[in-house]
Amino acid sequence: MGLLEEASRHVGVRGNPRLLGYLNRLEELFIQHRTKEERVLFPLLQRYLGACVCEGIGLEHDRISDLMRKVSNQVSHGEKSSIPQLNLLLRGHFSREENVLFWYLNLHLSNKRQG
């Protein structure tokens, strides 16, 4: 995200290749993140927390993917981009996962091993 923010300061150059490269890499990493969560984490979360939690995270994944495509399109056309909005959305998403979901799942699995 830091590289993306730095490169975004140079928006206005139509099709900024450096910024587009960072966006493409971010999208690749996010796809990996999403795939791992949906295949590994979601089944565990559904077992211990219920399906509604997974639906919420899945909806966030959809919003992030949609915004990434929008930002890439904006940058390709030399338009002012929604990178700050994407940054906030990603940081909030990862914070919720790390501080709530992963914490709760770790606590539950630790208690299950002890019990």
N, C-alpha and C. Protein backbone atom coordinates (compact mmCIF):
# COMPACT_ATOMS: atom_id res chain seq x y z
N MET A 1 0.83 -1.19 0.00
CA MET A 1 0.00 0.00 0.00
C MET A 1 0.87 1.25 0.00
N GLY A 2 1.99 1.19 0.68
CA GLY A 2 2.88 2.34 0.70
C GLY A 2 3.37 2.71 -0.69
N LEU A 3 3.76 1.71 -1.46
CA LEU A 3 4.20 1.96 -2.84
C LEU A 3 3.07 2.51 -3.69
N LEU A 4 1.89 1.99 -3.47
CA LEU A 4 0.73 2.46 -4.21
C LEU A 4 0.43 3.92 -3.89
N GLU A 5 0.47 4.26 -2.62
CA GLU A 5 0.22 5.65 -2.21
C GLU A 5 1.27 6.58 -2.80
N GLU A 6 2.53 6.17 -2.77
CA GLU A 6 3.61 7.00 -3.33
C GLU A 6 3.40 7.21 -4.83
N ALA A 7 3.12 6.14 -5.54
CA ALA A 7 2.94 6.24 -6.98
C ALA A 7 1.69 7.04 -7.34
N SER A 8 0.69 7.03 -6.45
CA SER A 8 -0.55 7.75 -6.74
C SER A 8 -0.34 9.25 -6.75
N ARG A 9 0.74 9.72 -6.17
CA ARG A 9 1.03 11.15 -6.20
C ARG A 9 1.35 11.62 -7.62
N HIS A 10 1.60 10.68 -8.50
CA HIS A 10 1.94 11.00 -9.88
C HIS A 10 0.77 10.73 -10.83
N VAL A 11 -0.44 10.64 -10.28
CA VAL A 11 -1.62 10.42 -11.11
C VAL A 11 -1.81 11.63 -12.01
N GLY A 12 -2.32 11.38 -13.16
CA GLY A 12 -2.51 12.45 -14.13
C GLY A 12 -1.73 12.13 -15.39
N VAL A 13 -0.69 11.31 -15.23
CA VAL A 13 0.03 10.83 -16.40
C VAL A 13 -0.80 9.66 -16.92
N ARG A 14 -1.36 9.84 -18.07
CA ARG A 14 -2.29 8.83 -18.62
C ARG A 14 -1.62 7.46 -18.65
N GLY A 15 -2.28 6.51 -17.99
CA GLY A 15 -1.79 5.14 -17.99
C GLY A 15 -0.47 4.96 -17.25
N ASN A 16 -0.24 5.74 -16.22
CA ASN A 16 0.98 5.67 -15.41
C ASN A 16 1.41 4.21 -15.22
N PRO A 17 2.45 3.75 -15.94
CA PRO A 17 2.83 2.34 -15.91
C PRO A 17 3.30 1.88 -14.53
N ARG A 18 3.98 2.74 -13.81
CA ARG A 18 4.45 2.37 -12.47
C ARG A 18 3.27 2.12 -11.54
N LEU A 19 2.33 3.03 -11.54
CA LEU A 19 1.15 2.89 -10.70
C LEU A 19 0.30 1.69 -11.12
N LEU A 20 0.14 1.50 -12.41
CA LEU A 20 -0.62 0.34 -12.89
C LEU A 20 0.06 -0.97 -12.48
N GLY A 21 1.39 -0.98 -12.50
CA GLY A 21 2.12 -2.17 -12.04
C GLY A 21 1.86 -2.47 -10.58
N TYR A 22 1.86 -1.42 -9.75
CA TYR A 22 1.57 -1.61 -8.32
C TYR A 22 0.14 -2.10 -8.12
N LEU A 23 -0.78 -1.54 -8.87
CA LEU A 23 -2.18 -1.97 -8.76
C LEU A 23 -2.35 -3.42 -9.19
N ASN A 24 -1.68 -3.82 -10.26
CA ASN A 24 -1.76 -5.21 -10.71
C ASN A 24 -1.19 -6.15 -9.66
N ARG A 25 -0.08 -5.78 -9.06
CA ARG A 25 0.53 -6.62 -8.03
C ARG A 25 -0.37 -6.70 -6.80
N LEU A 26 -0.95 -5.58 -6.41
CA LEU A 26 -1.86 -5.56 -5.28
C LEU A 26 -3.07 -6.46 -5.55
N GLU A 27 -3.57 -6.40 -6.76
CA GLU A 27 -4.71 -7.24 -7.12
C GLU A 27 -4.33 -8.73 -7.07
N GLU A 28 -3.14 -9.08 -7.56
CA GLU A 28 -2.68 -10.48 -7.49
C GLU A 28 -2.60 -10.95 -6.04
N LEU A 29 -2.02 -10.12 -5.18
CA LEU A 29 -1.90 -10.48 -3.77
C LEU A 29 -3.26 -10.60 -3.10
N PHE A 30 -4.17 -9.71 -3.47
CA PHE A 30 -5.51 -9.78 -2.88
C PHE A 30 -6.25 -11.02 -3.34
N ILE A 31 -6.08 -11.41 -4.59
CA ILE A 31 -6.72 -12.64 -5.08
C ILE A 31 -6.20 -13.84 -4.29
N GLN A 32 -4.90 -13.89 -4.03
CA GLN A 32 -4.33 -14.97 -3.23
C GLN A 32 -4.92 -14.96 -1.82
N HIS A 33 -4.99 -13.78 -1.23
CA HIS A 33 -5.55 -13.61 0.12
C HIS A 33 -6.98 -14.14 0.15
N ARG A 34 -7.77 -13.70 -0.80
CA ARG A 34 -9.18 -14.07 -0.85
C ARG A 34 -9.36 -15.57 -1.05
N THR A 35 -8.58 -16.14 -1.95
CA THR A 35 -8.69 -17.57 -2.24
C THR A 35 -8.35 -18.41 -1.01
N LYS A 36 -7.27 -18.05 -0.32
CA LYS A 36 -6.89 -18.80 0.88
C LYS A 36 -7.96 -18.70 1.95
N GLU A 37 -8.50 -17.52 2.15
CA GLU A 37 -9.54 -17.36 3.16
C GLU A 37 -10.78 -18.15 2.82
N GLU A 38 -11.20 -18.10 1.57
CA GLU A 38 -12.43 -18.77 1.19
C GLU A 38 -12.29 -20.29 1.23
N ARG A 39 -11.08 -20.80 1.00
CA ARG A 39 -10.88 -22.25 1.02
C ARG A 39 -10.54 -22.80 2.40
N VAL A 40 -9.83 -22.01 3.21
CA VAL A 40 -9.34 -22.51 4.50
C VAL A 40 -10.07 -21.86 5.68
N LEU A 41 -10.07 -20.55 5.70
CA LEU A 41 -10.60 -19.83 6.87
C LEU A 41 -12.12 -19.89 6.96
N PHE A 42 -12.80 -19.69 5.85
CA PHE A 42 -14.26 -19.64 5.89
C PHE A 42 -14.89 -20.92 6.44
N PRO A 43 -14.42 -22.11 6.03
CA PRO A 43 -15.01 -23.32 6.62
C PRO A 43 -14.86 -23.37 8.15
N LEU A 44 -13.71 -22.93 8.66
CA LEU A 44 -13.53 -22.90 10.11
C LEU A 44 -14.45 -21.87 10.77
N LEU A 45 -14.52 -20.70 10.17
CA LEU A 45 -15.38 -19.65 10.72
C LEU A 45 -16.84 -20.07 10.71
N GLN A 46 -17.27 -20.72 9.65
CA GLN A 46 -18.66 -21.17 9.58
C GLN A 46 -18.96 -22.18 10.67
N ARG A 47 -17.99 -23.02 10.96
CA ARG A 47 -18.19 -24.03 11.99
C ARG A 47 -18.33 -23.39 13.37
N TYR A 48 -17.53 -22.37 13.67
CA TYR A 48 -17.50 -21.81 15.01
C TYR A 48 -18.27 -20.51 15.18
N LEU A 49 -18.44 -19.73 14.12
CA LEU A 49 -19.09 -18.43 14.25
C LEU A 49 -20.39 -18.31 13.47
N GLY A 50 -20.63 -19.16 12.54
CA GLY A 50 -21.83 -19.08 11.73
C GLY A 50 -21.57 -18.44 10.37
N ALA A 51 -22.47 -18.68 9.47
CA ALA A 51 -22.30 -18.26 8.08
C ALA A 51 -22.34 -16.75 7.89
N CYS A 52 -23.05 -16.03 8.74
CA CYS A 52 -23.20 -14.58 8.52
C CYS A 52 -21.86 -13.86 8.56
N VAL A 53 -20.93 -14.33 9.37
CA VAL A 53 -19.60 -13.70 9.43
C VAL A 53 -18.89 -13.85 8.09
N CYS A 54 -18.96 -15.04 7.52
CA CYS A 54 -18.31 -15.30 6.24
C CYS A 54 -18.97 -14.49 5.12
N GLU A 55 -20.28 -14.33 5.20
CA GLU A 55 -20.96 -13.54 4.19
C GLU A 55 -20.49 -12.09 4.24
N GLY A 56 -20.32 -11.55 5.45
CA GLY A 56 -19.85 -10.18 5.60
C GLY A 56 -18.46 -9.99 5.04
N ILE A 57 -17.57 -10.90 5.36
CA ILE A 57 -16.19 -10.82 4.85
C ILE A 57 -16.20 -11.02 3.34
N GLY A 58 -17.03 -11.92 2.86
CA GLY A 58 -17.14 -12.14 1.42
C GLY A 58 -17.63 -10.89 0.69
N LEU A 59 -18.57 -10.18 1.28
CA LEU A 59 -19.05 -8.93 0.69
C LEU A 59 -17.95 -7.88 0.67
N GLU A 60 -17.14 -7.83 1.74
CA GLU A 60 -16.00 -6.91 1.74
C GLU A 60 -15.03 -7.26 0.64
N HIS A 61 -14.78 -8.55 0.45
CA HIS A 61 -13.89 -9.00 -0.63
C HIS A 61 -14.42 -8.51 -1.98
N ASP A 62 -15.73 -8.63 -2.18
CA ASP A 62 -16.34 -8.17 -3.44
C ASP A 62 -16.16 -6.66 -3.61
N ARG A 63 -16.40 -5.89 -2.54
CA ARG A 63 -16.26 -4.42 -2.62
C ARG A 63 -14.82 -4.03 -2.93
N ILE A 64 -13.87 -4.71 -2.30
CA ILE A 64 -12.45 -4.42 -2.54
C ILE A 64 -12.09 -4.72 -3.99
N SER A 65 -12.51 -5.88 -4.49
CA SER A 65 -12.21 -6.25 -5.88
C SER A 65 -12.82 -5.25 -6.85
N ASP A 66 -14.06 -4.85 -6.60
CA ASP A 66 -14.72 -3.87 -7.46
C ASP A 66 -13.97 -2.54 -7.45
N LEU A 67 -13.56 -2.10 -6.26
CA LEU A 67 -12.86 -0.82 -6.16
C LEU A 67 -11.48 -0.90 -6.81
N MET A 68 -10.81 -2.04 -6.71
CA MET A 68 -9.52 -2.20 -7.38
C MET A 68 -9.67 -2.04 -8.89
N ARG A 69 -10.71 -2.64 -9.44
CA ARG A 69 -10.95 -2.51 -10.89
C ARG A 69 -11.25 -1.06 -11.25
N LYS A 70 -12.04 -0.40 -10.40
CA LYS A 70 -12.38 1.01 -10.65
C LYS A 70 -11.12 1.88 -10.63
N VAL A 71 -10.26 1.66 -9.63
CA VAL A 71 -9.03 2.44 -9.52
C VAL A 71 -8.13 2.20 -10.73
N SER A 72 -7.98 0.96 -11.13
CA SER A 72 -7.16 0.65 -12.31
C SER A 72 -7.69 1.36 -13.54
N ASN A 73 -8.99 1.36 -13.71
CA ASN A 73 -9.61 2.04 -14.85
C ASN A 73 -9.36 3.55 -14.77
N GLN A 74 -9.50 4.12 -13.58
CA GLN A 74 -9.26 5.55 -13.40
C GLN A 74 -7.82 5.91 -13.75
N VAL A 75 -6.88 5.11 -13.26
CA VAL A 75 -5.46 5.37 -13.51
C VAL A 75 -5.16 5.21 -15.00
N SER A 76 -5.74 4.20 -15.63
CA SER A 76 -5.52 3.97 -17.07
C SER A 76 -5.95 5.17 -17.90
N HIS A 77 -6.96 5.88 -17.43
CA HIS A 77 -7.48 7.03 -18.16
C HIS A 77 -6.95 8.36 -17.64
N GLY A 78 -5.99 8.31 -16.72
CA GLY A 78 -5.39 9.53 -16.20
C GLY A 78 -6.33 10.35 -15.35
N GLU A 79 -7.33 9.70 -14.78
CA GLU A 79 -8.31 10.39 -13.94
C GLU A 79 -7.87 10.38 -12.48
N LYS A 80 -8.45 11.26 -11.71
CA LYS A 80 -8.22 11.25 -10.26
C LYS A 80 -8.75 9.92 -9.75
N SER A 81 -7.96 9.25 -8.98
CA SER A 81 -8.34 7.89 -8.58
C SER A 81 -8.90 7.84 -7.17
N SER A 82 -9.48 6.69 -6.87
CA SER A 82 -10.06 6.40 -5.57
C SER A 82 -9.06 5.63 -4.69
N ILE A 83 -7.77 5.85 -4.88
CA ILE A 83 -6.76 5.13 -4.11
C ILE A 83 -6.91 5.38 -2.61
N PRO A 84 -7.17 6.61 -2.15
CA PRO A 84 -7.36 6.79 -0.70
C PRO A 84 -8.53 5.96 -0.15
N GLN A 85 -9.60 5.87 -0.90
CA GLN A 85 -10.74 5.06 -0.48
C GLN A 85 -10.36 3.58 -0.45
N LEU A 86 -9.61 3.12 -1.44
CA LEU A 86 -9.15 1.73 -1.47
C LEU A 86 -8.25 1.45 -0.28
N ASN A 87 -7.37 2.37 0.02
CA ASN A 87 -6.46 2.23 1.15
C ASN A 87 -7.26 2.05 2.45
N LEU A 88 -8.24 2.92 2.67
CA LEU A 88 -9.06 2.82 3.89
C LEU A 88 -9.83 1.50 3.95
N LEU A 89 -10.38 1.10 2.83
CA LEU A 89 -11.15 -0.14 2.78
C LEU A 89 -10.27 -1.35 3.09
N LEU A 90 -9.08 -1.40 2.48
CA LEU A 90 -8.16 -2.51 2.72
C LEU A 90 -7.67 -2.53 4.17
N ARG A 91 -7.27 -1.38 4.67
CA ARG A 91 -6.77 -1.33 6.06
C ARG A 91 -7.85 -1.73 7.06
N GLY A 92 -9.07 -1.27 6.84
CA GLY A 92 -10.17 -1.67 7.72
C GLY A 92 -10.46 -3.15 7.64
N HIS A 93 -10.44 -3.68 6.44
CA HIS A 93 -10.70 -5.10 6.23
C HIS A 93 -9.66 -5.96 6.96
N PHE A 94 -8.38 -5.64 6.73
CA PHE A 94 -7.33 -6.44 7.36
C PHE A 94 -7.33 -6.28 8.87
N SER A 95 -7.64 -5.11 9.34
CA SER A 95 -7.71 -4.88 10.79
C SER A 95 -8.83 -5.72 11.41
N ARG A 96 -10.00 -5.74 10.79
CA ARG A 96 -11.11 -6.56 11.31
C ARG A 96 -10.74 -8.04 11.31
N GLU A 97 -10.10 -8.48 10.26
CA GLU A 97 -9.71 -9.89 10.21
C GLU A 97 -8.71 -10.21 11.32
N GLU A 98 -7.66 -9.42 11.43
CA GLU A 98 -6.60 -9.71 12.40
C GLU A 98 -7.05 -9.53 13.84
N ASN A 99 -7.80 -8.48 14.11
CA ASN A 99 -8.14 -8.15 15.49
C ASN A 99 -9.43 -8.77 15.99
N VAL A 100 -10.25 -9.28 15.09
CA VAL A 100 -11.50 -9.89 15.52
C VAL A 100 -11.56 -11.35 15.10
N LEU A 101 -11.58 -11.61 13.80
CA LEU A 101 -11.79 -12.97 13.33
C LEU A 101 -10.65 -13.91 13.70
N PHE A 102 -9.42 -13.52 13.36
CA PHE A 102 -8.29 -14.39 13.66
C PHE A 102 -8.12 -14.56 15.16
N TRP A 103 -8.32 -13.49 15.89
CA TRP A 103 -8.20 -13.56 17.36
C TRP A 103 -9.22 -14.54 17.91
N TYR A 104 -10.48 -14.40 17.50
CA TYR A 104 -11.53 -15.26 18.01
C TYR A 104 -11.30 -16.71 17.61
N LEU A 105 -10.93 -16.93 16.38
CA LEU A 105 -10.70 -18.29 15.90
C LEU A 105 -9.53 -18.92 16.65
N ASN A 106 -8.45 -18.16 16.85
CA ASN A 106 -7.31 -18.66 17.60
C ASN A 106 -7.71 -18.99 19.04
N LEU A 107 -8.48 -18.12 19.67
CA LEU A 107 -8.95 -18.36 21.04
C LEU A 107 -9.79 -19.61 21.10
N HIS A 108 -10.72 -19.76 20.16
CA HIS A 108 -11.59 -20.92 20.16
C HIS A 108 -10.82 -22.22 19.93
N LEU A 109 -9.90 -22.20 18.99
CA LEU A 109 -9.12 -23.41 18.72
C LEU A 109 -8.20 -23.73 19.88
N SER A 110 -7.62 -22.72 20.53
CA SER A 110 -6.76 -22.95 21.70
C SER A 110 -7.56 -23.57 22.84
N ASN A 111 -8.75 -23.06 23.09
CA ASN A 111 -9.61 -23.61 24.15
C ASN A 111 -10.03 -25.04 23.83
N LYS A 112 -10.27 -25.31 22.58
CA LYS A 112 -10.68 -26.65 22.16
C LYS A 112 -9.54 -27.65 22.39
N ARG A 113 -8.28 -27.23 22.13
CA ARG A 113 -7.13 -28.10 22.35
C ARG A 113 -6.92 -28.37 23.85
N GLN A 114 -7.17 -27.36 24.67
CA GLN A 114 -6.98 -27.52 26.12
C GLN A 114 -8.10 -28.34 26.75
N GLY A 115 -9.28 -28.27 26.16
CA GLY A 115 -10.46 -28.93 26.73
C GLY A 115 -10.63 -30.29 26.26
